[in-house]
Amino acid sequence: MLWILLLLILALFGFGFTMQILWYVAGVLLVVWIAGFAMRGRGSSRGGRRYGRSRG
């Protein structure tokens, strides 16, 4: 019975630690994404990239 309680506590604390790391990763990715917009613009003004098949 004690090992089930310890396993549950470990899982809950592990989940909390993982969520904290995911918040840091999300923050870093947001900064990189915004920096990408600042460096190359939106792309539509200079022709930009086309995704998908060209129709023509």
PDB file of N, CA and C in Angstrom:
ATOM      1  N   MET A   1       0.825  -1.203   0.000  1.00  0.00           N
ATOM      2  CA  MET A   1       0.000   0.000   0.000  1.00  0.00           C
ATOM      3  C   MET A   1       0.864   1.260   0.000  1.00  0.00           C
ATOM      4  N   LEU A   2       1.957   1.217   0.731  1.00  0.00           N
ATOM      5  CA  LEU A   2       2.839   2.379   0.814  1.00  0.00           C
ATOM      6  C   LEU A   2       3.502   2.671  -0.530  1.00  0.00           C
ATOM      7  N   TRP A   3       3.847   1.637  -1.258  1.00  0.00           N
ATOM      8  CA  TRP A   3       4.526   1.866  -2.539  1.00  0.00           C
ATOM      9  C   TRP A   3       3.579   2.491  -3.551  1.00  0.00           C
ATOM     10  N   ILE A   4       2.277   2.210  -3.467  1.00  0.00           N
ATOM     11  CA  ILE A   4       1.305   2.850  -4.360  1.00  0.00           C
ATOM     12  C   ILE A   4       1.223   4.348  -4.056  1.00  0.00           C
ATOM     13  N   LEU A   5       1.220   4.683  -2.765  1.00  0.00           N
ATOM     14  CA  LEU A   5       1.186   6.090  -2.372  1.00  0.00           C
ATOM     15  C   LEU A   5       2.457   6.815  -2.819  1.00  0.00           C
ATOM     16  N   LEU A   6       3.601   6.184  -2.644  1.00  0.00           N
ATOM     17  CA  LEU A   6       4.860   6.794  -3.071  1.00  0.00           C
ATOM     18  C   LEU A   6       4.912   6.950  -4.591  1.00  0.00           C
ATOM     19  N   LEU A   7       4.398   5.969  -5.307  1.00  0.00           N
ATOM     20  CA  LEU A   7       4.370   6.057  -6.765  1.00  0.00           C
ATOM     21  C   LEU A   7       3.449   7.186  -7.232  1.00  0.00           C
ATOM     22  N   LEU A   8       2.324   7.349  -6.560  1.00  0.00           N
ATOM     23  CA  LEU A   8       1.398   8.429  -6.894  1.00  0.00           C
ATOM     24  C   LEU A   8       2.028   9.794  -6.631  1.00  0.00           C
ATOM     25  N   ILE A   9       2.689   9.939  -5.500  1.00  0.00           N
ATOM     26  CA  ILE A   9       3.363  11.199  -5.172  1.00  0.00           C
ATOM     27  C   ILE A   9       4.464  11.500  -6.184  1.00  0.00           C
ATOM     28  N   LEU A  10       5.241  10.481  -6.544  1.00  0.00           N
ATOM     29  CA  LEU A  10       6.308  10.664  -7.523  1.00  0.00           C
ATOM     30  C   LEU A  10       5.733  11.076  -8.878  1.00  0.00           C
ATOM     31  N   ALA A  11       4.630  10.475  -9.275  1.00  0.00           N
ATOM     32  CA  ALA A  11       4.012  10.811 -10.558  1.00  0.00           C
ATOM     33  C   ALA A  11       3.513  12.253 -10.550  1.00  0.00           C
ATOM     34  N   LEU A  12       2.886  12.676  -9.454  1.00  0.00           N
ATOM     35  CA  LEU A  12       2.361  14.034  -9.396  1.00  0.00           C
ATOM     36  C   LEU A  12       3.481  15.076  -9.398  1.00  0.00           C
ATOM     37  N   PHE A  13       4.531  14.826  -8.633  1.00  0.00           N
ATOM     38  CA  PHE A  13       5.648  15.769  -8.623  1.00  0.00           C
ATOM     39  C   PHE A  13       6.393  15.760  -9.943  1.00  0.00           C
ATOM     40  N   GLY A  14       6.516  14.593 -10.555  1.00  0.00           N
ATOM     41  CA  GLY A  14       7.157  14.495 -11.868  1.00  0.00           C
ATOM     42  C   GLY A  14       6.369  15.250 -12.922  1.00  0.00           C
ATOM     43  N   PHE A  15       5.043  15.154 -12.842  1.00  0.00           N
ATOM     44  CA  PHE A  15       4.196  15.874 -13.790  1.00  0.00           C
ATOM     45  C   PHE A  15       4.346  17.377 -13.610  1.00  0.00           C
ATOM     46  N   GLY A  16       4.408  17.830 -12.368  1.00  0.00           N
ATOM     47  CA  GLY A  16       4.593  19.255 -12.117  1.00  0.00           C
ATOM     48  C   GLY A  16       5.931  19.768 -12.615  1.00  0.00           C
ATOM     49  N   PHE A  17       6.974  18.989 -12.425  1.00  0.00           N
ATOM     50  CA  PHE A  17       8.305  19.365 -12.909  1.00  0.00           C
ATOM     51  C   PHE A  17       8.327  19.406 -14.432  1.00  0.00           C
ATOM     52  N   THR A  18       7.675  18.423 -15.063  1.00  0.00           N
ATOM     53  CA  THR A  18       7.621  18.386 -16.516  1.00  0.00           C
ATOM     54  C   THR A  18       6.863  19.588 -17.059  1.00  0.00           C
ATOM     55  N   MET A  19       5.768  19.948 -16.412  1.00  0.00           N
ATOM     56  CA  MET A  19       5.002  21.094 -16.877  1.00  0.00           C
ATOM     57  C   MET A  19       5.811  22.385 -16.749  1.00  0.00           C
ATOM     58  N   GLN A  20       6.619  22.506 -15.719  1.00  0.00           N
ATOM     59  CA  GLN A  20       7.461  23.693 -15.554  1.00  0.00           C
ATOM     60  C   GLN A  20       8.473  23.780 -16.697  1.00  0.00           C
ATOM     61  N   ILE A  21       9.072  22.665 -17.057  1.00  0.00           N
ATOM     62  CA  ILE A  21      10.032  22.650 -18.168  1.00  0.00           C
ATOM     63  C   ILE A  21       9.328  22.991 -19.480  1.00  0.00           C
ATOM     64  N   LEU A  22       8.114  22.482 -19.673  1.00  0.00           N
ATOM     65  CA  LEU A  22       7.384  22.774 -20.902  1.00  0.00           C
ATOM     66  C   LEU A  22       7.039  24.252 -21.015  1.00  0.00           C
ATOM     67  N   TRP A  23       6.780  24.930 -19.899  1.00  0.00           N
ATOM     68  CA  TRP A  23       6.545  26.372 -19.944  1.00  0.00           C
ATOM     69  C   TRP A  23       7.795  27.114 -20.393  1.00  0.00           C
ATOM     70  N   TYR A  24       8.965  26.681 -19.900  1.00  0.00           N
ATOM     71  CA  TYR A  24      10.219  27.314 -20.334  1.00  0.00           C
ATOM     72  C   TYR A  24      10.456  27.087 -21.820  1.00  0.00           C
ATOM     73  N   VAL A  25      10.214  25.873 -22.283  1.00  0.00           N
ATOM     74  CA  VAL A  25      10.394  25.564 -23.701  1.00  0.00           C
ATOM     75  C   VAL A  25       9.434  26.394 -24.553  1.00  0.00           C
ATOM     76  N   ALA A  26       8.187  26.531 -24.116  1.00  0.00           N
ATOM     77  CA  ALA A  26       7.212  27.327 -24.857  1.00  0.00           C
ATOM     78  C   ALA A  26       7.642  28.793 -24.912  1.00  0.00           C
ATOM     79  N   GLY A  27       8.186  29.317 -23.831  1.00  0.00           N
ATOM     80  CA  GLY A  27       8.660  30.699 -23.830  1.00  0.00           C
ATOM     81  C   GLY A  27       9.811  30.918 -24.792  1.00  0.00           C
ATOM     82  N   VAL A  28      10.755  29.991 -24.814  1.00  0.00           N
ATOM     83  CA  VAL A  28      11.893  30.104 -25.732  1.00  0.00           C
ATOM     84  C   VAL A  28      11.422  30.021 -27.181  1.00  0.00           C
ATOM     85  N   LEU A  29      10.512  29.095 -27.465  1.00  0.00           N
ATOM     86  CA  LEU A  29      10.006  28.967 -28.829  1.00  0.00           C
ATOM     87  C   LEU A  29       9.229  30.208 -29.266  1.00  0.00           C
ATOM     88  N   LEU A  30       8.521  30.836 -28.346  1.00  0.00           N
ATOM     89  CA  LEU A  30       7.800  32.066 -28.668  1.00  0.00           C
ATOM     90  C   LEU A  30       8.775  33.177 -29.032  1.00  0.00           C
ATOM     91  N   VAL A  31       9.858  33.296 -28.281  1.00  0.00           N
ATOM     92  CA  VAL A  31      10.864  34.324 -28.574  1.00  0.00           C
ATOM     93  C   VAL A  31      11.511  34.065 -29.930  1.00  0.00           C
ATOM     94  N   VAL A  32      11.824  32.805 -30.234  1.00  0.00           N
ATOM     95  CA  VAL A  32      12.429  32.469 -31.524  1.00  0.00           C
ATOM     96  C   VAL A  32      11.459  32.763 -32.667  1.00  0.00           C
ATOM     97  N   TRP A  33      10.187  32.470 -32.458  1.00  0.00           N
ATOM     98  CA  TRP A  33       9.176  32.704 -33.486  1.00  0.00           C
ATOM     99  C   TRP A  33       9.030  34.198 -33.774  1.00  0.00           C
ATOM    100  N   ILE A  34       8.979  35.010 -32.716  1.00  0.00           N
ATOM    101  CA  ILE A  34       8.868  36.459 -32.888  1.00  0.00           C
ATOM    102  C   ILE A  34      10.131  37.015 -33.540  1.00  0.00           C
ATOM    103  N   ALA A  35      11.288  36.513 -33.162  1.00  0.00           N
ATOM    104  CA  ALA A  35      12.537  36.960 -33.788  1.00  0.00           C
ATOM    105  C   ALA A  35      12.560  36.594 -35.269  1.00  0.00           C
ATOM    106  N   GLY A  36      12.007  35.453 -35.628  1.00  0.00           N
ATOM    107  CA  GLY A  36      11.935  35.068 -37.032  1.00  0.00           C
ATOM    108  C   GLY A  36      11.079  36.035 -37.838  1.00  0.00           C
ATOM    109  N   PHE A  37       9.952  36.468 -37.272  1.00  0.00           N
ATOM    110  CA  PHE A  37       9.132  37.466 -37.942  1.00  0.00           C
ATOM    111  C   PHE A  37       9.890  38.779 -38.091  1.00  0.00           C
ATOM    112  N   ALA A  38      10.623  39.173 -37.070  1.00  0.00           N
ATOM    113  CA  ALA A  38      11.339  40.446 -37.111  1.00  0.00           C
ATOM    114  C   ALA A  38      12.471  40.411 -38.134  1.00  0.00           C
ATOM    115  N   MET A  39      13.113  39.263 -38.312  1.00  0.00           N
ATOM    116  CA  MET A  39      14.267  39.193 -39.209  1.00  0.00           C
ATOM    117  C   MET A  39      13.863  39.087 -40.676  1.00  0.00           C
ATOM    118  N   ARG A  40      12.820  38.355 -40.980  1.00  0.00           N
ATOM    119  CA  ARG A  40      12.488  38.156 -42.391  1.00  0.00           C
ATOM    120  C   ARG A  40      11.164  38.766 -42.794  1.00  0.00           C
ATOM    121  N   GLY A  41      10.501  39.417 -41.893  1.00  0.00           N
ATOM    122  CA  GLY A  41       9.211  40.003 -42.226  1.00  0.00           C
ATOM    123  C   GLY A  41       8.152  38.918 -42.362  1.00  0.00           C
ATOM    124  N   ARG A  42       7.022  39.283 -42.890  1.00  0.00           N
ATOM    125  CA  ARG A  42       5.950  38.295 -43.040  1.00  0.00           C
ATOM    126  C   ARG A  42       6.114  37.466 -44.294  1.00  0.00           C
ATOM    127  N   GLY A  43       6.921  37.903 -45.239  1.00  0.00           N
ATOM    128  CA  GLY A  43       7.159  37.114 -46.432  1.00  0.00           C
ATOM    129  C   GLY A  43       6.252  37.486 -47.592  1.00  0.00           C
ATOM    130  N   SER A  44       5.072  38.000 -47.326  1.00  0.00           N
ATOM    131  CA  SER A  44       4.146  38.310 -48.415  1.00  0.00           C
ATOM    132  C   SER A  44       4.581  39.556 -49.189  1.00  0.00           C
ATOM    133  N   SER A  45       5.327  40.456 -48.560  1.00  0.00           N
ATOM    134  CA  SER A  45       5.738  41.675 -49.246  1.00  0.00           C
ATOM    135  C   SER A  45       6.863  41.415 -50.246  1.00  0.00           C
ATOM    136  N   ARG A  46       7.661  40.378 -50.011  1.00  0.00           N
ATOM    137  CA  ARG A  46       8.772  40.075 -50.901  1.00  0.00           C
ATOM    138  C   ARG A  46       8.528  38.796 -51.699  1.00  0.00           C
ATOM    139  N   GLY A  47       7.321  38.448 -51.911  1.00  0.00           N
ATOM    140  CA  GLY A  47       7.043  37.227 -52.643  1.00  0.00           C
ATOM    141  C   GLY A  47       6.801  36.067 -51.709  1.00  0.00           C
ATOM    142  N   GLY A  48       7.598  35.976 -50.703  1.00  0.00           N
ATOM    143  CA  GLY A  48       7.399  34.967 -49.680  1.00  0.00           C
ATOM    144  C   GLY A  48       7.579  33.543 -50.174  1.00  0.00           C
ATOM    145  N   ARG A  49       7.242  32.625 -49.341  1.00  0.00           N
ATOM    146  CA  ARG A  49       7.307  31.219 -49.697  1.00  0.00           C
ATOM    147  C   ARG A  49       5.918  30.743 -50.062  1.00  0.00           C
ATOM    148  N   ARG A  50       5.858  29.860 -51.015  1.00  0.00           N
ATOM    149  CA  ARG A  50       4.569  29.285 -51.376  1.00  0.00           C
ATOM    150  C   ARG A  50       4.545  27.851 -50.913  1.00  0.00           C
ATOM    151  N   TYR A  51       3.497  27.507 -50.253  1.00  0.00           N
ATOM    152  CA  TYR A  51       3.342  26.146 -49.766  1.00  0.00           C
ATOM    153  C   TYR A  51       2.271  25.448 -50.588  1.00  0.00           C
ATOM    154  N   GLY A  52       2.470  24.205 -50.820  1.00  0.00           N
ATOM    155  CA  GLY A  52       1.499  23.452 -51.600  1.00  0.00           C
ATOM    156  C   GLY A  52       1.872  23.457 -53.069  1.00  0.00           C
ATOM    157  N   ARG A  53       0.975  22.979 -53.894  1.00  0.00           N
ATOM    158  CA  ARG A  53       1.250  22.893 -55.333  1.00  0.00           C
ATOM    159  C   ARG A  53       0.962  24.226 -56.010  1.00  0.00           C
ATOM    160  N   SER A  54       1.771  24.513 -57.018  1.00  0.00           N
ATOM    161  CA  SER A  54       1.507  25.737 -57.783  1.00  0.00           C
ATOM    162  C   SER A  54       0.420  25.431 -58.813  1.00  0.00           C
ATOM    163  N   ARG A  55      -0.446  26.374 -59.007  1.00  0.00           N
ATOM    164  CA  ARG A  55      -1.548  26.175 -59.951  1.00  0.00           C
ATOM    165  C   ARG A  55      -1.289  27.015 -61.189  1.00  0.00           C
ATOM    166  N   GLY A  56      -0.641  26.458 -62.123  1.00  0.00           N
ATOM    167  CA  GLY A  56      -0.414  27.275 -63.291  1.00  0.00           C
ATOM    168  C   GLY A  56       0.515  26.600 -64.211  1.00  0.00           C
TER     169      GLY A  56
END
